[in-house]
Amino acid sequence: MLTGGNDPIAGFPIIPAGSGKTSVVRIGNSSINSEADEMSKSFIVTIESTGLTYWYAVVLQDPNHPITEQPSFEIIMFDDITGDTIPCSYYYVAAGQSIPGFQTTGSNIRYKTWSTVSLDLNSYL
């Protein structure tokens, strides 16, 4: 759990501005050697929680491997009951030279500062 400062690689603030949050979770590290990290969260949609908003930022090293071997980032949400992917919840990006919405620092770091995503989960009550 991180509580402030700037990302040590890309330099953007650790806490998303305007989010009202005081801490964030970092997935991954600065190591190499084909490591993978994952985070999951399950919850029951109630009348009080039909609107889901989350923030994400991405920092990827680009070692210039074939696309299937590049570092990547993925978000997927699915209905635990049906196993179906929730519409508009899937996001995937792999490190590369020109990724829409990403910036470059140094010669091989691609990053995207904080983005906000909001989903309507009324149909999952």
Protein backbone atom coordinates (compact mmCIF):
# COMPACT_ATOMS: atom_id res chain seq x y z
CA MET A 1 0.00 0.00 0.00
CA LEU A 2 1.46 3.34 -1.06
CA THR A 3 0.39 6.63 0.49
CA GLY A 4 2.07 9.42 -1.46
CA GLY A 5 5.01 10.81 -3.37
CA ASN A 6 5.73 10.20 -7.04
CA ASP A 7 6.21 7.06 -9.08
CA PRO A 8 9.97 6.38 -8.96
CA ILE A 9 10.19 5.50 -12.67
CA ALA A 10 7.72 7.77 -14.50
CA GLY A 11 7.46 10.60 -11.95
CA PHE A 12 3.68 11.11 -11.81
CA PRO A 13 1.92 11.38 -8.40
CA ILE A 14 1.30 8.07 -6.59
CA ILE A 15 -2.21 9.20 -5.53
CA PRO A 16 -4.61 10.13 -8.37
CA ALA A 17 -5.54 13.83 -8.14
CA GLY A 18 -9.18 14.46 -7.31
CA SER A 19 -9.85 10.84 -6.34
CA GLY A 20 -10.24 11.52 -2.63
CA LYS A 21 -8.02 8.48 -2.02
CA THR A 22 -5.16 8.42 0.49
CA SER A 23 -3.50 5.18 -0.58
CA VAL A 24 -3.10 2.96 -3.64
CA VAL A 25 -1.94 -0.56 -4.45
CA ARG A 26 1.04 -1.11 -6.74
CA ILE A 27 1.05 -4.31 -8.79
CA GLY A 28 4.43 -5.35 -10.07
CA ASN A 29 7.95 -4.22 -9.31
CA SER A 30 11.10 -3.01 -11.01
CA SER A 31 12.58 -6.50 -11.48
CA ILE A 32 13.03 -8.34 -14.75
CA ASN A 33 12.98 -12.07 -15.62
CA SER A 34 9.44 -12.81 -16.78
CA GLU A 35 7.60 -12.08 -13.56
CA ALA A 36 3.84 -11.65 -13.43
CA ASP A 37 1.63 -10.13 -10.75
CA GLU A 38 -2.12 -10.17 -10.33
CA MET A 39 -4.71 -8.58 -8.09
CA SER A 40 -8.34 -9.61 -7.79
CA LYS A 41 -11.32 -8.27 -5.89
CA SER A 42 -14.76 -9.84 -5.60
CA PHE A 43 -17.86 -8.04 -4.38
CA ILE A 44 -21.61 -8.35 -4.43
CA VAL A 45 -23.43 -5.62 -6.33
CA THR A 46 -26.09 -4.04 -4.13
CA ILE A 47 -28.45 -1.14 -4.71
CA GLU A 48 -25.85 1.04 -2.93
CA SER A 49 -22.97 -0.15 -5.15
CA THR A 50 -24.28 -0.16 -8.72
CA GLY A 51 -21.86 2.57 -9.75
CA LEU A 52 -18.23 1.41 -9.78
CA THR A 53 -15.40 3.90 -10.31
CA TYR A 54 -11.73 2.97 -10.27
CA TRP A 55 -8.45 4.61 -11.18
CA TYR A 56 -5.42 3.01 -12.83
CA ALA A 57 -1.99 4.06 -14.05
CA VAL A 58 0.47 1.90 -16.00
CA VAL A 59 4.26 1.85 -16.26
CA LEU A 60 5.80 -0.70 -18.64
CA GLN A 61 9.36 -1.31 -19.68
CA ASP A 62 9.70 -1.88 -23.42
CA PRO A 63 12.48 -4.44 -24.01
CA ASN A 64 11.58 -4.54 -27.73
CA HIS A 65 10.59 -8.21 -27.72
CA PRO A 66 8.03 -9.73 -30.12
CA ILE A 67 4.57 -8.45 -29.12
CA THR A 68 3.58 -11.76 -27.49
CA GLU A 69 6.59 -11.50 -25.17
CA GLN A 70 6.26 -7.82 -24.29
CA PRO A 71 5.35 -6.65 -20.78
CA SER A 72 1.62 -6.03 -20.64
CA PHE A 73 -1.23 -4.79 -18.46
CA GLU A 74 -4.78 -6.15 -18.42
CA ILE A 75 -8.02 -5.31 -16.65
CA ILE A 76 -10.95 -7.69 -16.92
CA MET A 77 -14.15 -7.83 -14.91
CA PHE A 78 -16.55 -10.70 -15.08
CA ASP A 79 -19.78 -11.91 -13.58
CA ASP A 80 -18.93 -14.68 -11.09
CA ILE A 81 -22.28 -16.36 -11.70
CA THR A 82 -22.22 -16.57 -15.50
CA GLY A 83 -18.50 -16.21 -16.11
CA ASP A 84 -19.26 -13.57 -18.77
CA THR A 85 -17.05 -10.52 -19.19
CA ILE A 86 -18.81 -7.34 -18.08
CA PRO A 87 -19.28 -5.11 -21.15
CA CYS A 88 -16.79 -2.23 -21.43
CA SER A 89 -14.63 -3.61 -18.60
CA TYR A 90 -11.82 -5.17 -20.63
CA TYR A 91 -8.57 -3.28 -21.21
CA TYR A 92 -5.30 -4.70 -22.52
CA VAL A 93 -2.09 -3.03 -23.58
CA ALA A 94 1.40 -4.37 -24.31
CA ALA A 95 4.57 -2.28 -24.26
CA GLY A 96 5.46 -0.89 -27.66
CA GLN A 97 6.69 2.16 -29.50
CA SER A 98 3.39 3.98 -29.88
CA ILE A 99 0.60 3.15 -27.50
CA PRO A 100 -2.36 5.58 -27.63
CA GLY A 101 -2.53 7.64 -24.42
CA PHE A 102 0.98 6.63 -23.27
CA GLN A 103 4.08 8.75 -22.85
CA THR A 104 7.74 7.75 -23.00
CA THR A 105 10.50 8.46 -20.51
CA GLY A 106 14.08 7.40 -21.00
CA SER A 107 14.61 5.15 -23.97
CA ASN A 108 12.30 2.29 -23.07
CA ILE A 109 9.70 3.20 -20.43
CA ARG A 110 6.10 3.61 -21.60
CA TYR A 111 3.60 4.98 -19.10
CA LYS A 112 0.06 6.24 -18.73
CA THR A 113 -0.78 8.52 -15.83
CA TRP A 114 -4.00 8.09 -13.85
CA SER A 115 -7.14 7.28 -15.81
CA THR A 116 -10.63 7.04 -14.33
CA VAL A 117 -13.13 4.37 -15.35
CA SER A 118 -16.79 4.29 -14.28
CA LEU A 119 -19.15 1.39 -14.88
CA ASP A 120 -22.89 1.04 -14.35
CA LEU A 121 -23.52 -2.33 -12.68
CA ASN A 122 -27.34 -2.06 -12.35
CA SER A 123 -27.88 -5.13 -14.50
CA TYR A 124 -25.82 -7.21 -12.02
CA LEU A 125 -28.06 -6.61 -8.96
